[in-house]
Amino acid sequence: MNFEELWAFLGRNPMLALALAGITVAIVYTELLRVFRGFKGLRPAEVTALVNREDALVVDLRPSAEFEKGHIPGSKNVQMAQFDPENKSLAAAKSLPVVAVCKTGVSAVDAAKRLRKAGFEKVYVLEGGIGAWQQADLPLAKGRGK
């Protein structure tokens, strides 16, 4: 296929051309947002390595009842409604890597943005949330935790 054939196809199929352009713009926009958001998404194995190598603080944003049923060992439970990056217990960890965890990975993004705004430098989010952790067949601790 050459350039002339491509233009002829686009001229005969304007709706397909418009859909392709829209999808391309959406993908580029999403990727740019991801790159410039100020924090990084991690897979479960990467979270484990970060905790083991750099003593990262894992902040679980799920409700207490869900947290007690199973959470990442060593994680700290802070409900999203009460999440405050300026809290004394979190502010002490500004120099440590902080990993935000929630059920699916959506609420953790909001928490990560707030952490970055509060001056935390090493902020991460567990991609896929606690569900991804379970799918990776990694251990969960039960009970209150820290």
C-alpha atoms as a PDB file:
ATOM      1  CA  MET A   1       0.000   0.000   0.000  1.00  0.00           C
ATOM      2  CA  ASN A   2       1.345   3.413  -0.902  1.00  0.00           C
ATOM      3  CA  PHE A   3       0.494   6.900   0.301  1.00  0.00           C
ATOM      4  CA  GLU A   4      -1.959   7.598  -2.553  1.00  0.00           C
ATOM      5  CA  GLU A   5      -3.958   4.443  -1.811  1.00  0.00           C
ATOM      6  CA  LEU A   6      -4.105   5.422   1.867  1.00  0.00           C
ATOM      7  CA  TRP A   7      -5.487   8.865   1.032  1.00  0.00           C
ATOM      8  CA  ALA A   8      -8.024   7.311  -1.332  1.00  0.00           C
ATOM      9  CA  PHE A   9      -9.147   4.890   1.392  1.00  0.00           C
ATOM     10  CA  LEU A  10      -9.487   7.725   3.931  1.00  0.00           C
ATOM     11  CA  GLY A  11     -11.502   9.758   1.390  1.00  0.00           C
ATOM     12  CA  ARG A  12     -13.906   6.847   0.831  1.00  0.00           C
ATOM     13  CA  ASN A  13     -14.220   6.097   4.571  1.00  0.00           C
ATOM     14  CA  PRO A  14     -14.330   9.372   6.490  1.00  0.00           C
ATOM     15  CA  MET A  15     -15.974   7.839   9.578  1.00  0.00           C
ATOM     16  CA  LEU A  16     -13.224   5.224   9.905  1.00  0.00           C
ATOM     17  CA  ALA A  17     -10.594   7.923   9.430  1.00  0.00           C
ATOM     18  CA  LEU A  18     -12.218  10.065  12.110  1.00  0.00           C
ATOM     19  CA  ALA A  19     -12.463   7.107  14.496  1.00  0.00           C
ATOM     20  CA  LEU A  20      -8.790   6.254  13.929  1.00  0.00           C
ATOM     21  CA  ALA A  21      -7.755   9.864  14.562  1.00  0.00           C
ATOM     22  CA  GLY A  22      -9.874  10.009  17.738  1.00  0.00           C
ATOM     23  CA  ILE A  23      -8.461   6.777  19.124  1.00  0.00           C
ATOM     24  CA  THR A  24      -4.915   7.885  18.319  1.00  0.00           C
ATOM     25  CA  VAL A  25      -5.407  11.208  20.124  1.00  0.00           C
ATOM     26  CA  ALA A  26      -6.940   9.433  23.138  1.00  0.00           C
ATOM     27  CA  ILE A  27      -4.024   6.988  23.399  1.00  0.00           C
ATOM     28  CA  VAL A  28      -1.416   9.745  23.108  1.00  0.00           C
ATOM     29  CA  TYR A  29      -3.262  11.879  25.703  1.00  0.00           C
ATOM     30  CA  THR A  30      -3.534   8.979  28.164  1.00  0.00           C
ATOM     31  CA  GLU A  31       0.125   8.072  27.797  1.00  0.00           C
ATOM     32  CA  LEU A  32       1.240  11.672  28.276  1.00  0.00           C
ATOM     33  CA  LEU A  33      -0.840  11.931  31.451  1.00  0.00           C
ATOM     34  CA  ARG A  34       0.701   8.710  32.726  1.00  0.00           C
ATOM     35  CA  VAL A  35       4.242   9.928  32.050  1.00  0.00           C
ATOM     36  CA  PHE A  36       3.779  13.340  33.680  1.00  0.00           C
ATOM     37  CA  ARG A  37       1.630  12.383  36.677  1.00  0.00           C
ATOM     38  CA  GLY A  38       4.573  12.336  39.079  1.00  0.00           C
ATOM     39  CA  PHE A  39       4.281   8.787  40.343  1.00  0.00           C
ATOM     40  CA  LYS A  40       4.799   5.348  38.927  1.00  0.00           C
ATOM     41  CA  GLY A  41       2.579   2.287  38.789  1.00  0.00           C
ATOM     42  CA  LEU A  42       4.143  -0.948  40.015  1.00  0.00           C
ATOM     43  CA  ARG A  43       3.295  -4.595  39.510  1.00  0.00           C
ATOM     44  CA  PRO A  44       3.050  -6.780  42.642  1.00  0.00           C
ATOM     45  CA  ALA A  45       6.561  -8.239  42.258  1.00  0.00           C
ATOM     46  CA  GLU A  46       7.991  -4.719  41.964  1.00  0.00           C
ATOM     47  CA  VAL A  47       6.225  -3.695  45.191  1.00  0.00           C
ATOM     48  CA  THR A  48       7.766  -6.678  46.979  1.00  0.00           C
ATOM     49  CA  ALA A  49      11.231  -5.735  45.725  1.00  0.00           C
ATOM     50  CA  LEU A  50      10.758  -2.097  46.751  1.00  0.00           C
ATOM     51  CA  VAL A  51       9.670  -3.088  50.269  1.00  0.00           C
ATOM     52  CA  ASN A  52      12.589  -5.493  50.641  1.00  0.00           C
ATOM     53  CA  ARG A  53      15.289  -3.216  49.185  1.00  0.00           C
ATOM     54  CA  GLU A  54      14.201   0.256  50.263  1.00  0.00           C
ATOM     55  CA  ASP A  55      11.886  -0.381  53.232  1.00  0.00           C
ATOM     56  CA  ALA A  56       8.946   1.175  51.388  1.00  0.00           C
ATOM     57  CA  LEU A  57       5.829   2.135  53.321  1.00  0.00           C
ATOM     58  CA  VAL A  58       2.714   0.449  51.936  1.00  0.00           C
ATOM     59  CA  VAL A  59      -0.473   2.431  52.628  1.00  0.00           C
ATOM     60  CA  ASP A  60      -3.673   0.396  52.199  1.00  0.00           C
ATOM     61  CA  LEU A  61      -6.648   2.694  51.555  1.00  0.00           C
ATOM     62  CA  ARG A  62      -9.407   0.101  51.829  1.00  0.00           C
ATOM     63  CA  PRO A  63     -12.029   0.062  54.611  1.00  0.00           C
ATOM     64  CA  SER A  64     -10.907  -1.592  57.874  1.00  0.00           C
ATOM     65  CA  ALA A  65     -13.126  -4.645  57.374  1.00  0.00           C
ATOM     66  CA  GLU A  66     -11.568  -5.411  53.985  1.00  0.00           C
ATOM     67  CA  PHE A  67      -8.073  -4.691  55.323  1.00  0.00           C
ATOM     68  CA  GLU A  68      -8.560  -7.159  58.193  1.00  0.00           C
ATOM     69  CA  LYS A  69      -9.686  -9.911  55.784  1.00  0.00           C
ATOM     70  CA  GLY A  70      -6.344  -9.719  53.992  1.00  0.00           C
ATOM     71  CA  HIS A  71      -3.660  -7.122  53.343  1.00  0.00           C
ATOM     72  CA  ILE A  72      -0.065  -6.855  52.188  1.00  0.00           C
ATOM     73  CA  PRO A  73       2.151  -7.832  55.119  1.00  0.00           C
ATOM     74  CA  GLY A  74       3.540  -4.756  56.856  1.00  0.00           C
ATOM     75  CA  SER A  75       1.066  -2.363  55.251  1.00  0.00           C
ATOM     76  CA  LYS A  76      -0.583   0.461  57.140  1.00  0.00           C
ATOM     77  CA  ASN A  77      -4.356   0.921  56.896  1.00  0.00           C
ATOM     78  CA  VAL A  78      -5.643   4.452  56.315  1.00  0.00           C
ATOM     79  CA  GLN A  79      -9.181   4.844  54.976  1.00  0.00           C
ATOM     80  CA  MET A  80      -9.398   7.094  51.931  1.00  0.00           C
ATOM     81  CA  ALA A  81     -11.932   9.355  53.701  1.00  0.00           C
ATOM     82  CA  GLN A  82      -9.371   9.991  56.453  1.00  0.00           C
ATOM     83  CA  PHE A  83      -6.305  10.053  54.204  1.00  0.00           C
ATOM     84  CA  ASP A  84      -4.104  13.066  54.960  1.00  0.00           C
ATOM     85  CA  PRO A  85      -0.528  13.184  53.619  1.00  0.00           C
ATOM     86  CA  GLU A  86       0.308  15.730  56.333  1.00  0.00           C
ATOM     87  CA  ASN A  87      -0.586  13.223  59.090  1.00  0.00           C
ATOM     88  CA  LYS A  88       2.327  12.725  61.517  1.00  0.00           C
ATOM     89  CA  SER A  89       2.602   8.998  60.817  1.00  0.00           C
ATOM     90  CA  LEU A  90       2.818   9.580  57.052  1.00  0.00           C
ATOM     91  CA  ALA A  91       4.848  12.794  57.144  1.00  0.00           C
ATOM     92  CA  ALA A  92       7.650  10.901  58.901  1.00  0.00           C
ATOM     93  CA  ALA A  93       7.945   8.719  55.790  1.00  0.00           C
ATOM     94  CA  LYS A  94       8.557  11.558  53.284  1.00  0.00           C
ATOM     95  CA  SER A  95      12.047  10.281  52.547  1.00  0.00           C
ATOM     96  CA  LEU A  96      10.882   6.666  52.058  1.00  0.00           C
ATOM     97  CA  PRO A  97       9.187   5.223  49.014  1.00  0.00           C
ATOM     98  CA  VAL A  98       5.417   5.113  49.593  1.00  0.00           C
ATOM     99  CA  VAL A  99       3.151   2.644  47.781  1.00  0.00           C
ATOM    100  CA  ALA A 100      -0.581   3.410  47.732  1.00  0.00           C
ATOM    101  CA  VAL A 101      -2.850   0.354  47.549  1.00  0.00           C
ATOM    102  CA  CYS A 102      -6.619   0.086  47.204  1.00  0.00           C
ATOM    103  CA  LYS A 103      -9.072  -2.532  45.994  1.00  0.00           C
ATOM    104  CA  THR A 104      -8.657  -1.964  42.246  1.00  0.00           C
ATOM    105  CA  GLY A 105      -5.954   0.688  41.888  1.00  0.00           C
ATOM    106  CA  VAL A 106      -8.296   3.618  41.191  1.00  0.00           C
ATOM    107  CA  SER A 107      -8.483   5.293  44.641  1.00  0.00           C
ATOM    108  CA  ALA A 108      -4.755   4.832  45.065  1.00  0.00           C
ATOM    109  CA  VAL A 109      -4.128   7.181  42.113  1.00  0.00           C
ATOM    110  CA  ASP A 110      -5.929  10.002  43.943  1.00  0.00           C
ATOM    111  CA  ALA A 111      -3.923   9.298  47.106  1.00  0.00           C
ATOM    112  CA  ALA A 112      -0.676   9.264  45.097  1.00  0.00           C
ATOM    113  CA  LYS A 113      -1.493  12.663  43.604  1.00  0.00           C
ATOM    114  CA  ARG A 114      -2.097  14.038  47.099  1.00  0.00           C
ATOM    115  CA  LEU A 115       1.169  12.546  48.352  1.00  0.00           C
ATOM    116  CA  ARG A 116       3.118  14.157  45.499  1.00  0.00           C
ATOM    117  CA  LYS A 117       1.444  17.491  46.182  1.00  0.00           C
ATOM    118  CA  ALA A 118       2.443  17.196  49.868  1.00  0.00           C
ATOM    119  CA  GLY A 119       6.116  16.818  48.903  1.00  0.00           C
ATOM    120  CA  PHE A 120       6.627  13.051  48.905  1.00  0.00           C
ATOM    121  CA  GLU A 121       9.258  12.277  46.283  1.00  0.00           C
ATOM    122  CA  LYS A 122       9.039   8.519  45.801  1.00  0.00           C
ATOM    123  CA  VAL A 123       5.356   7.721  45.277  1.00  0.00           C
ATOM    124  CA  TYR A 124       4.033   4.558  43.686  1.00  0.00           C
ATOM    125  CA  VAL A 125       0.681   2.861  43.090  1.00  0.00           C
ATOM    126  CA  LEU A 126       0.039  -0.882  43.022  1.00  0.00           C
ATOM    127  CA  GLU A 127      -1.441  -1.379  39.550  1.00  0.00           C
ATOM    128  CA  GLY A 128      -4.618  -3.432  39.750  1.00  0.00           C
ATOM    129  CA  GLY A 129      -4.844  -2.989  43.517  1.00  0.00           C
ATOM    130  CA  ILE A 130      -5.051  -5.808  46.018  1.00  0.00           C
ATOM    131  CA  GLY A 131      -6.730  -7.947  43.348  1.00  0.00           C
ATOM    132  CA  ALA A 132      -3.517  -7.918  41.303  1.00  0.00           C
ATOM    133  CA  TRP A 133      -1.592  -8.894  44.454  1.00  0.00           C
ATOM    134  CA  GLN A 134      -3.904 -11.889  44.943  1.00  0.00           C
ATOM    135  CA  GLN A 135      -3.697 -12.874  41.271  1.00  0.00           C
ATOM    136  CA  ALA A 136       0.095 -12.892  41.584  1.00  0.00           C
ATOM    137  CA  ASP A 137      -0.442 -15.436  44.376  1.00  0.00           C
ATOM    138  CA  LEU A 138       1.459 -13.319  46.899  1.00  0.00           C
ATOM    139  CA  PRO A 139       0.763 -13.705  50.633  1.00  0.00           C
ATOM    140  CA  LEU A 140      -1.817 -11.689  52.534  1.00  0.00           C
ATOM    141  CA  ALA A 141      -1.740 -11.035  56.269  1.00  0.00           C
ATOM    142  CA  LYS A 142      -5.000 -11.168  58.203  1.00  0.00           C
ATOM    143  CA  GLY A 143      -6.090  -9.061  61.169  1.00  0.00           C
ATOM    144  CA  ARG A 144      -5.400  -5.462  62.067  1.00  0.00           C
ATOM    145  CA  GLY A 145      -1.780  -5.180  60.906  1.00  0.00           C
ATOM    146  CA  LYS A 146       0.096  -1.967  61.730  1.00  0.00           C
END
